[in-house]
C-alpha atoms as a PDB file:
ATOM      1  CA  UNK A   1       0.000   0.000   0.000  1.00  0.00           C
ATOM      2  CA  UNK A   2       1.211   3.397  -0.826  1.00  0.00           C
ATOM      3  CA  UNK A   3       2.021   6.031   1.863  1.00  0.00           C
ATOM      4  CA  UNK A   4      -0.206   8.637   0.177  1.00  0.00           C
ATOM      5  CA  UNK A   5      -3.215   6.368   0.487  1.00  0.00           C
ATOM      6  CA  UNK A   6      -2.497   5.794   4.231  1.00  0.00           C
ATOM      7  CA  UNK A   7      -2.466   9.510   5.060  1.00  0.00           C
ATOM      8  CA  UNK A   8      -5.648  10.404   2.963  1.00  0.00           C
ATOM      9  CA  UNK A   9      -8.674  11.085   5.029  1.00  0.00           C
ATOM     10  CA  UNK A  10     -11.550   8.764   4.611  1.00  0.00           C
ATOM     11  CA  UNK A  11     -14.170  10.034   2.112  1.00  0.00           C
ATOM     12  CA  UNK A  12     -17.880   9.729   2.716  1.00  0.00           C
ATOM     13  CA  UNK A  13     -19.760   7.065   0.976  1.00  0.00           C
ATOM     14  CA  UNK A  14     -21.614   7.970  -2.175  1.00  0.00           C
ATOM     15  CA  UNK A  15     -24.947   9.651  -1.441  1.00  0.00           C
ATOM     16  CA  UNK A  16     -24.292  10.358   2.278  1.00  0.00           C
ATOM     17  CA  UNK A  17     -24.957  14.032   3.281  1.00  0.00           C
ATOM     18  CA  UNK A  18     -22.263  16.169   4.603  1.00  0.00           C
ATOM     19  CA  UNK A  19     -22.378  16.847   8.358  1.00  0.00           C
ATOM     20  CA  UNK A  20     -23.370  20.537   9.095  1.00  0.00           C
ATOM     21  CA  UNK A  21     -21.369  22.687  11.419  1.00  0.00           C
ATOM     22  CA  UNK A  22     -22.660  22.735  14.996  1.00  0.00           C
ATOM     23  CA  UNK A  23     -22.142  26.489  15.628  1.00  0.00           C
ATOM     24  CA  UNK A  24     -24.114  29.473  14.046  1.00  0.00           C
ATOM     25  CA  UNK A  25     -22.200  31.363  11.452  1.00  0.00           C
ATOM     26  CA  UNK A  26     -21.144  34.813  12.565  1.00  0.00           C
ATOM     27  CA  UNK A  27     -23.219  36.560   9.844  1.00  0.00           C
ATOM     28  CA  UNK A  28     -26.505  35.014  11.035  1.00  0.00           C
ATOM     29  CA  UNK A  29     -25.859  36.108  14.631  1.00  0.00           C
ATOM     30  CA  UNK A  30     -25.286  39.633  13.476  1.00  0.00           C
ATOM     31  CA  UNK A  31     -28.648  39.633  11.561  1.00  0.00           C
ATOM     32  CA  UNK A  32     -30.606  38.451  14.650  1.00  0.00           C
ATOM     33  CA  UNK A  33     -29.125  41.053  16.927  1.00  0.00           C
ATOM     34  CA  UNK A  34     -29.810  43.860  14.366  1.00  0.00           C
ATOM     35  CA  UNK A  35     -33.521  42.877  14.052  1.00  0.00           C
ATOM     36  CA  UNK A  36     -33.892  42.935  17.782  1.00  0.00           C
ATOM     37  CA  UNK A  37     -32.349  46.350  18.007  1.00  0.00           C
ATOM     38  CA  UNK A  38     -34.746  47.628  15.283  1.00  0.00           C
ATOM     39  CA  UNK A  39     -37.791  46.298  17.127  1.00  0.00           C
ATOM     40  CA  UNK A  40     -36.573  47.747  20.388  1.00  0.00           C
ATOM     41  CA  UNK A  41     -36.262  51.143  18.748  1.00  0.00           C
ATOM     42  CA  UNK A  42     -39.760  51.091  17.231  1.00  0.00           C
ATOM     43  CA  UNK A  43     -41.786  49.671  20.157  1.00  0.00           C
ATOM     44  CA  UNK A  44     -43.022  50.980  22.424  1.00  0.00           C
ATOM     45  CA  UNK A  45     -43.439  54.181  20.387  1.00  0.00           C
ATOM     46  CA  UNK A  46     -41.938  57.323  21.808  1.00  0.00           C
ATOM     47  CA  UNK A  47     -43.814  60.335  20.383  1.00  0.00           C
ATOM     48  CA  UNK A  48     -43.032  63.916  21.103  1.00  0.00           C
ATOM     49  CA  UNK A  49     -45.749  66.557  21.527  1.00  0.00           C
ATOM     50  CA  UNK A  50     -45.168  67.932  18.051  1.00  0.00           C
ATOM     51  CA  UNK A  51     -45.445  64.454  16.497  1.00  0.00           C
ATOM     52  CA  UNK A  52     -48.743  63.856  18.349  1.00  0.00           C
ATOM     53  CA  UNK A  53     -50.211  67.143  17.059  1.00  0.00           C
ATOM     54  CA  UNK A  54     -49.167  66.303  13.509  1.00  0.00           C
ATOM     55  CA  UNK A  55     -50.770  62.856  13.839  1.00  0.00           C
ATOM     56  CA  UNK A  56     -54.069  64.382  15.025  1.00  0.00           C
ATOM     57  CA  UNK A  57     -54.067  66.888  12.177  1.00  0.00           C
ATOM     58  CA  UNK A  58     -53.470  64.115   9.671  1.00  0.00           C
ATOM     59  CA  UNK A  59     -56.304  62.104  11.216  1.00  0.00           C
ATOM     60  CA  UNK A  60     -58.707  65.049  10.935  1.00  0.00           C
ATOM     61  CA  UNK A  61     -57.668  65.665   7.343  1.00  0.00           C
ATOM     62  CA  UNK A  62     -58.280  62.043   6.475  1.00  0.00           C
ATOM     63  CA  UNK A  63     -61.687  62.065   8.148  1.00  0.00           C
ATOM     64  CA  UNK A  64     -62.716  65.184   6.217  1.00  0.00           C
ATOM     65  CA  UNK A  65     -61.629  63.627   2.931  1.00  0.00           C
ATOM     66  CA  UNK A  66     -63.598  60.479   3.719  1.00  0.00           C
ATOM     67  CA  UNK A  67     -66.775  62.488   4.440  1.00  0.00           C
ATOM     68  CA  UNK A  68     -66.331  64.485   1.259  1.00  0.00           C
ATOM     69  CA  UNK A  69     -65.861  61.326  -0.772  1.00  0.00           C
ATOM     70  CA  UNK A  70     -68.995  59.852   0.786  1.00  0.00           C
ATOM     71  CA  UNK A  71     -71.022  62.979   0.018  1.00  0.00           C
ATOM     72  CA  UNK A  72     -69.758  62.947  -3.523  1.00  0.00           C
ATOM     73  CA  UNK A  73     -70.804  59.299  -3.690  1.00  0.00           C
ATOM     74  CA  UNK A  74     -74.340  60.220  -2.546  1.00  0.00           C
ATOM     75  CA  UNK A  75     -74.584  62.968  -5.179  1.00  0.00           C
ATOM     76  CA  UNK A  76     -73.356  60.513  -7.741  1.00  0.00           C
ATOM     77  CA  UNK A  77     -76.057  58.110  -6.602  1.00  0.00           C
ATOM     78  CA  UNK A  78     -78.724  60.787  -7.129  1.00  0.00           C
ATOM     79  CA  UNK A  79     -77.285  61.674 -10.518  1.00  0.00           C
ATOM     80  CA  UNK A  80     -77.387  58.053 -11.479  1.00  0.00           C
ATOM     81  CA  UNK A  81     -80.919  57.426 -10.144  1.00  0.00           C
ATOM     82  CA  UNK A  82     -83.826  56.756 -12.436  1.00  0.00           C
ATOM     83  CA  UNK A  83     -86.449  59.376 -13.172  1.00  0.00           C
ATOM     84  CA  UNK A  84     -89.088  57.442 -11.224  1.00  0.00           C
ATOM     85  CA  UNK A  85     -86.822  57.350  -8.174  1.00  0.00           C
ATOM     86  CA  UNK A  86     -86.145  61.070  -8.392  1.00  0.00           C
ATOM     87  CA  UNK A  87     -89.870  61.813  -8.618  1.00  0.00           C
ATOM     88  CA  UNK A  88     -90.531  59.633  -5.572  1.00  0.00           C
ATOM     89  CA  UNK A  89     -87.773  61.361  -3.562  1.00  0.00           C
ATOM     90  CA  UNK A  90     -89.118  64.764  -4.560  1.00  0.00           C
ATOM     91  CA  UNK A  91     -92.648  63.770  -3.506  1.00  0.00           C
ATOM     92  CA  UNK A  92     -91.353  62.611  -0.125  1.00  0.00           C
ATOM     93  CA  UNK A  93     -89.558  65.920   0.374  1.00  0.00           C
ATOM     94  CA  UNK A  94     -92.720  67.819  -0.588  1.00  0.00           C
ATOM     95  CA  UNK A  95     -94.812  65.732   1.816  1.00  0.00           C
ATOM     96  CA  UNK A  96     -92.354  66.336   4.635  1.00  0.00           C
ATOM     97  CA  UNK A  97     -92.359  70.066   3.911  1.00  0.00           C
ATOM     98  CA  UNK A  98     -96.159  70.123   3.933  1.00  0.00           C
ATOM     99  CA  UNK A  99     -96.298  68.271   7.244  1.00  0.00           C
ATOM    100  CA  UNK A 100     -93.869  70.781   8.749  1.00  0.00           C
ATOM    101  CA  UNK A 101     -95.962  73.682   7.421  1.00  0.00           C
ATOM    102  CA  UNK A 102     -99.120  72.139   8.893  1.00  0.00           C
ATOM    103  CA  UNK A 103     -97.406  71.677  12.246  1.00  0.00           C
ATOM    104  CA  UNK A 104     -96.195  75.278  12.180  1.00  0.00           C
ATOM    105  CA  UNK A 105     -99.722  76.507  11.405  1.00  0.00           C
ATOM    106  CA  UNK A 106    -101.171  74.404  14.219  1.00  0.00           C
ATOM    107  CA  UNK A 107     -98.663  75.836  16.701  1.00  0.00           C
ATOM    108  CA  UNK A 108     -99.376  79.369  15.474  1.00  0.00           C
ATOM    109  CA  UNK A 109    -103.114  78.786  15.980  1.00  0.00           C
ATOM    110  CA  UNK A 110    -102.489  77.507  19.504  1.00  0.00           C
ATOM    111  CA  UNK A 111    -100.384  80.542  20.314  1.00  0.00           C
ATOM    112  CA  UNK A 112    -103.079  82.876  18.964  1.00  0.00           C
ATOM    113  CA  UNK A 113    -105.736  81.058  20.956  1.00  0.00           C
ATOM    114  CA  UNK A 114    -103.671  81.322  24.132  1.00  0.00           C
ATOM    115  CA  UNK A 115    -103.043  85.012  23.531  1.00  0.00           C
ATOM    116  CA  UNK A 116    -106.743  85.622  22.924  1.00  0.00           C
ATOM    117  CA  UNK A 117    -107.622  83.638  26.034  1.00  0.00           C
ATOM    118  CA  UNK A 118    -105.159  85.710  28.052  1.00  0.00           C
ATOM    119  CA  UNK A 119    -106.603  88.916  26.590  1.00  0.00           C
ATOM    120  CA  UNK A 120    -110.158  87.770  27.327  1.00  0.00           C
ATOM    121  CA  UNK A 121    -109.220  86.805  30.877  1.00  0.00           C
ATOM    122  CA  UNK A 122    -107.533  90.166  31.421  1.00  0.00           C
ATOM    123  CA  UNK A 123    -110.548  91.976  29.961  1.00  0.00           C
ATOM    124  CA  UNK A 124    -112.867  89.977  32.218  1.00  0.00           C
ATOM    125  CA  UNK A 125    -110.741  90.892  35.240  1.00  0.00           C
ATOM    126  CA  UNK A 126    -110.776  94.556  34.195  1.00  0.00           C
ATOM    127  CA  UNK A 127    -114.551  94.545  33.831  1.00  0.00           C
ATOM    128  CA  UNK A 128    -114.911  92.809  37.174  1.00  0.00           C
ATOM    129  CA  UNK A 129    -112.754  95.435  38.892  1.00  0.00           C
ATOM    130  CA  UNK A 130    -114.734  98.228  37.227  1.00  0.00           C
ATOM    131  CA  UNK A 131    -118.037  96.652  38.242  1.00  0.00           C
ATOM    132  CA  UNK A 132    -116.765  96.242  41.796  1.00  0.00           C
ATOM    133  CA  UNK A 133    -115.758  99.906  41.871  1.00  0.00           C
ATOM    134  CA  UNK A 134    -119.152 101.008  40.611  1.00  0.00           C
ATOM    135  CA  UNK A 135    -120.993  98.874  43.127  1.00  0.00           C
ATOM    136  CA  UNK A 136    -118.662 100.147  45.847  1.00  0.00           C
ATOM    137  CA  UNK A 137    -119.568 103.731  44.973  1.00  0.00           C
ATOM    138  CA  UNK A 138    -123.282 102.952  45.103  1.00  0.00           C
ATOM    139  CA  UNK A 139    -122.873 101.062  48.367  1.00  0.00           C
ATOM    140  CA  UNK A 140    -120.707 103.803  49.829  1.00  0.00           C
ATOM    141  CA  UNK A 141    -117.793 101.445  50.593  1.00  0.00           C
ATOM    142  CA  UNK A 142    -115.265 103.228  48.344  1.00  0.00           C
ATOM    143  CA  UNK A 143    -114.408 106.881  47.833  1.00  0.00           C
ATOM    144  CA  UNK A 144    -115.437 108.687  44.660  1.00  0.00           C
ATOM    145  CA  UNK A 145    -114.062 111.665  42.771  1.00  0.00           C
ATOM    146  CA  UNK A 146    -115.307 113.640  39.794  1.00  0.00           C
ATOM    147  CA  UNK A 147    -117.135 116.771  38.657  1.00  0.00           C
ATOM    148  CA  UNK A 148    -120.188 117.921  40.562  1.00  0.00           C
ATOM    149  CA  UNK A 149    -121.623 120.575  42.842  1.00  0.00           C
ATOM    150  CA  UNK A 150    -121.631 121.646  46.470  1.00  0.00           C
ATOM    151  CA  UNK A 151    -125.046 122.577  47.895  1.00  0.00           C
ATOM    152  CA  UNK A 152    -124.848 124.585  51.140  1.00  0.00           C
ATOM    153  CA  UNK A 153    -128.026 125.358  53.117  1.00  0.00           C
ATOM    154  CA  UNK A 154    -127.797 127.829  55.983  1.00  0.00           C
ATOM    155  CA  UNK A 155    -130.711 127.761  58.471  1.00  0.00           C
ATOM    156  CA  UNK A 156    -130.544 130.768  60.831  1.00  0.00           C
ATOM    157  CA  UNK A 157    -134.248 130.425  61.691  1.00  0.00           C
ATOM    158  CA  UNK A 158    -133.920 126.732  62.439  1.00  0.00           C
ATOM    159  CA  UNK A 159    -136.904 126.139  60.183  1.00  0.00           C
ATOM    160  CA  UNK A 160    -135.408 123.584  57.739  1.00  0.00           C
ATOM    161  CA  UNK A 161    -136.973 120.230  58.561  1.00  0.00           C
ATOM    162  CA  UNK A 162    -135.862 116.736  57.577  1.00  0.00           C
ATOM    163  CA  UNK A 163    -138.460 116.418  54.784  1.00  0.00           C
ATOM    164  CA  UNK A 164    -137.004 119.499  53.020  1.00  0.00           C
ATOM    165  CA  UNK A 165    -133.535 117.966  53.033  1.00  0.00           C
ATOM    166  CA  UNK A 166    -135.001 114.697  51.762  1.00  0.00           C
ATOM    167  CA  UNK A 167    -136.664 116.590  48.892  1.00  0.00           C
ATOM    168  CA  UNK A 168    -133.255 118.088  47.988  1.00  0.00           C
ATOM    169  CA  UNK A 169    -131.692 114.621  48.044  1.00  0.00           C
ATOM    170  CA  UNK A 170    -134.401 113.146  45.810  1.00  0.00           C
ATOM    171  CA  UNK A 171    -134.081 116.023  43.344  1.00  0.00           C
ATOM    172  CA  UNK A 172    -130.321 115.462  43.117  1.00  0.00           C
ATOM    173  CA  UNK A 173    -130.778 111.734  42.554  1.00  0.00           C
ATOM    174  CA  UNK A 174    -133.320 112.372  39.813  1.00  0.00           C
ATOM    175  CA  UNK A 175    -130.845 114.744  38.114  1.00  0.00           C
ATOM    176  CA  UNK A 176    -128.214 112.010  37.930  1.00  0.00           C
ATOM    177  CA  UNK A 177    -126.179 112.329  41.120  1.00  0.00           C
ATOM    178  CA  UNK A 178    -123.837 109.312  41.465  1.00  0.00           C
ATOM    179  CA  UNK A 179    -122.321 109.879  44.909  1.00  0.00           C
ATOM    180  CA  UNK A 180    -123.581 112.122  47.719  1.00  0.00           C
ATOM    181  CA  UNK A 181    -122.286 113.045  51.143  1.00  0.00           C
ATOM    182  CA  UNK A 182    -124.188 115.175  53.683  1.00  0.00           C
ATOM    183  CA  UNK A 183    -122.190 116.694  56.532  1.00  0.00           C
ATOM    184  CA  UNK A 184    -119.751 113.797  56.515  1.00  0.00           C
ATOM    185  CA  UNK A 185    -122.406 111.066  56.214  1.00  0.00           C
ATOM    186  CA  UNK A 186    -122.355 108.943  53.066  1.00  0.00           C
ATOM    187  CA  UNK A 187    -125.713 108.719  51.365  1.00  0.00           C
ATOM    188  CA  UNK A 188    -126.721 105.254  50.163  1.00  0.00           C
ATOM    189  CA  UNK A 189    -129.855 103.622  48.833  1.00  0.00           C
ATOM    190  CA  UNK A 190    -131.558 103.273  52.215  1.00  0.00           C
ATOM    191  CA  UNK A 191    -130.529 106.654  53.626  1.00  0.00           C
ATOM    192  CA  UNK A 192    -133.266 108.501  55.533  1.00  0.00           C
ATOM    193  CA  UNK A 193    -133.720 111.901  57.201  1.00  0.00           C
ATOM    194  CA  UNK A 194    -135.587 112.434  60.458  1.00  0.00           C
ATOM    195  CA  UNK A 195    -136.307 115.260  62.903  1.00  0.00           C
ATOM    196  CA  UNK A 196    -137.591 118.815  62.912  1.00  0.00           C
ATOM    197  CA  UNK A 197    -135.892 122.123  62.239  1.00  0.00           C
ATOM    198  CA  UNK A 198    -132.701 122.484  64.179  1.00  0.00           C
ATOM    199  CA  UNK A 199    -132.752 118.800  65.173  1.00  0.00           C
ATOM    200  CA  UNK A 200    -132.133 116.766  62.004  1.00  0.00           C
ATOM    201  CA  UNK A 201    -130.658 113.287  61.767  1.00  0.00           C
ATOM    202  CA  UNK A 202    -129.244 111.377  58.778  1.00  0.00           C
ATOM    203  CA  UNK A 203    -129.383 107.617  59.168  1.00  0.00           C
ATOM    204  CA  UNK A 204    -129.647 108.151  62.901  1.00  0.00           C
ATOM    205  CA  UNK A 205    -126.661 110.523  63.091  1.00  0.00           C
ATOM    206  CA  UNK A 206    -127.400 114.087  64.167  1.00  0.00           C
ATOM    207  CA  UNK A 207    -126.261 116.872  61.823  1.00  0.00           C
ATOM    208  CA  UNK A 208    -126.354 120.639  62.292  1.00  0.00           C
ATOM    209  CA  UNK A 209    -126.666 123.600  59.954  1.00  0.00           C
ATOM    210  CA  UNK A 210    -125.236 124.632  57.669  1.00  0.00           C
ATOM    211  CA  UNK A 211    -126.209 121.492  55.770  1.00  0.00           C
ATOM    212  CA  UNK A 212    -123.679 120.756  53.070  1.00  0.00           C
ATOM    213  CA  UNK A 213    -124.430 118.331  50.236  1.00  0.00           C
ATOM    214  CA  UNK A 214    -121.308 117.223  48.353  1.00  0.00           C
ATOM    215  CA  UNK A 215    -122.511 115.729  45.077  1.00  0.00           C
ATOM    216  CA  UNK A 216    -120.755 114.041  42.117  1.00  0.00           C
ATOM    217  CA  UNK A 217    -122.526 114.231  38.761  1.00  0.00           C
ATOM    218  CA  UNK A 218    -122.962 116.491  35.759  1.00  0.00           C
ATOM    219  CA  UNK A 219    -122.962 120.055  37.147  1.00  0.00           C
ATOM    220  CA  UNK A 220    -125.011 121.348  34.206  1.00  0.00           C
ATOM    221  CA  UNK A 221    -127.764 118.876  35.124  1.00  0.00           C
ATOM    222  CA  UNK A 222    -127.627 119.117  38.914  1.00  0.00           C
ATOM    223  CA  UNK A 223    -127.736 122.881  39.394  1.00  0.00           C
ATOM    224  CA  UNK A 224    -130.741 123.560  37.106  1.00  0.00           C
ATOM    225  CA  UNK A 225    -132.674 120.759  38.813  1.00  0.00           C
ATOM    226  CA  UNK A 226    -132.380 122.614  42.134  1.00  0.00           C
ATOM    227  CA  UNK A 227    -133.277 126.015  40.679  1.00  0.00           C
ATOM    228  CA  UNK A 228    -136.455 125.130  38.776  1.00  0.00           C
ATOM    229  CA  UNK A 229    -139.436 127.317  39.626  1.00  0.00           C
ATOM    230  CA  UNK A 230    -141.129 126.000  42.736  1.00  0.00           C
ATOM    231  CA  UNK A 231    -138.236 123.652  43.338  1.00  0.00           C
ATOM    232  CA  UNK A 232    -135.849 123.010  46.210  1.00  0.00           C
ATOM    233  CA  UNK A 233    -134.150 126.433  46.310  1.00  0.00           C
ATOM    234  CA  UNK A 234    -137.385 128.446  46.313  1.00  0.00           C
ATOM    235  CA  UNK A 235    -138.940 126.208  48.963  1.00  0.00           C
ATOM    236  CA  UNK A 236    -135.953 126.607  51.288  1.00  0.00           C
ATOM    237  CA  UNK A 237    -135.787 130.383  50.736  1.00  0.00           C
ATOM    238  CA  UNK A 238    -139.418 130.651  51.872  1.00  0.00           C
ATOM    239  CA  UNK A 239    -138.202 129.278  55.226  1.00  0.00           C
ATOM    240  CA  UNK A 240    -135.604 132.078  55.408  1.00  0.00           C
ATOM    241  CA  UNK A 241    -132.809 129.629  54.545  1.00  0.00           C
ATOM    242  CA  UNK A 242    -129.883 130.635  52.397  1.00  0.00           C
ATOM    243  CA  UNK A 243    -128.961 128.311  49.528  1.00  0.00           C
ATOM    244  CA  UNK A 244    -125.637 128.417  47.671  1.00  0.00           C
ATOM    245  CA  UNK A 245    -124.816 126.109  44.734  1.00  0.00           C
ATOM    246  CA  UNK A 246    -121.230 125.949  43.483  1.00  0.00           C
ATOM    247  CA  UNK A 247    -119.989 123.947  40.512  1.00  0.00           C
ATOM    248  CA  UNK A 248    -116.619 122.196  40.507  1.00  0.00           C
ATOM    249  CA  UNK A 249    -114.629 119.933  38.238  1.00  0.00           C
ATOM    250  CA  UNK A 250    -113.109 118.054  41.179  1.00  0.00           C
ATOM    251  CA  UNK A 251    -115.489 116.946  43.889  1.00  0.00           C
ATOM    252  CA  UNK A 252    -114.355 114.313  46.405  1.00  0.00           C
ATOM    253  CA  UNK A 253    -116.812 112.132  48.307  1.00  0.00           C
ATOM    254  CA  UNK A 254    -114.751 110.142  50.786  1.00  0.00           C
ATOM    255  CA  UNK A 255    -117.130 109.405  53.648  1.00  0.00           C
ATOM    256  CA  UNK A 256    -117.447 105.607  53.738  1.00  0.00           C
ATOM    257  CA  UNK A 257    -119.945 103.047  54.918  1.00  0.00           C
ATOM    258  CA  UNK A 258    -118.787  99.681  56.271  1.00  0.00           C
ATOM    259  CA  UNK A 259    -119.482  96.770  53.955  1.00  0.00           C
ATOM    260  CA  UNK A 260    -122.390  94.732  55.256  1.00  0.00           C
ATOM    261  CA  UNK A 261    -122.938  91.079  54.488  1.00  0.00           C
ATOM    262  CA  UNK A 262    -126.570  90.135  53.974  1.00  0.00           C
ATOM    263  CA  UNK A 263    -128.006  87.624  56.403  1.00  0.00           C
ATOM    264  CA  UNK A 264    -130.214  85.719  53.974  1.00  0.00           C
ATOM    265  CA  UNK A 265    -129.619  86.852  50.391  1.00  0.00           C
ATOM    266  CA  UNK A 266    -127.096  84.872  48.353  1.00  0.00           C
ATOM    267  CA  UNK A 267    -125.883  85.224  44.778  1.00  0.00           C
ATOM    268  CA  UNK A 268    -127.801  83.108  42.285  1.00  0.00           C
ATOM    269  CA  UNK A 269    -124.817  82.922  39.895  1.00  0.00           C
ATOM    270  CA  UNK A 270    -123.011  79.540  39.774  1.00  0.00           C
END
């Protein structure tokens, strides 16, 4: 045997695979460590404030573009719709508009009705207050003010009796007197005079001359009613009384009667 053949390393049999190296090649190790460093640099993300603002702006811009594209798509859908579909859509829009108009008209009518109701209620309250004032004047429970006359009767002879003063009162009422006061006593529907000359009472309260009638009404009607021939003034002058009638645009009747509640009468209104 030859020396060269003894030193030659044994060769693998035909078809047997070559045995791989047990260790990782240096190049592969370098690739693994570089990938790890890349991942470590990207995650977790480290964003600065400026980068975050830019990201939000880009997000808003993208959202706006998406909405615009969608709107354009809707318009394109309408442009591509059939004539029958467009007519149907238009009818639906018209119906919706009409329903809204009807609702608006209904609300306007309700508002007008409420306003009228408020006006009617306020008018009713105003009329009620006015009626209460008028009844208060007639009942003598409220003061009254207006044009009228002052009738002053002096009785130096003490000859003016209660019936003469009652005649003067009736003449004033017939001439349209609305409120009357005699020597601080309010005259009402059931007022009466009693007594003889120099000792006269009004509703049980004694009064003395001069007798002063403070009267609210039309002066041009009240004064002539007292001065008619054979009337109140001439009758009193025959008894040596002095009668003075003065007109005024501002007469105040402020003597009051307490309000009395009837014992048996009740309102018949519901």
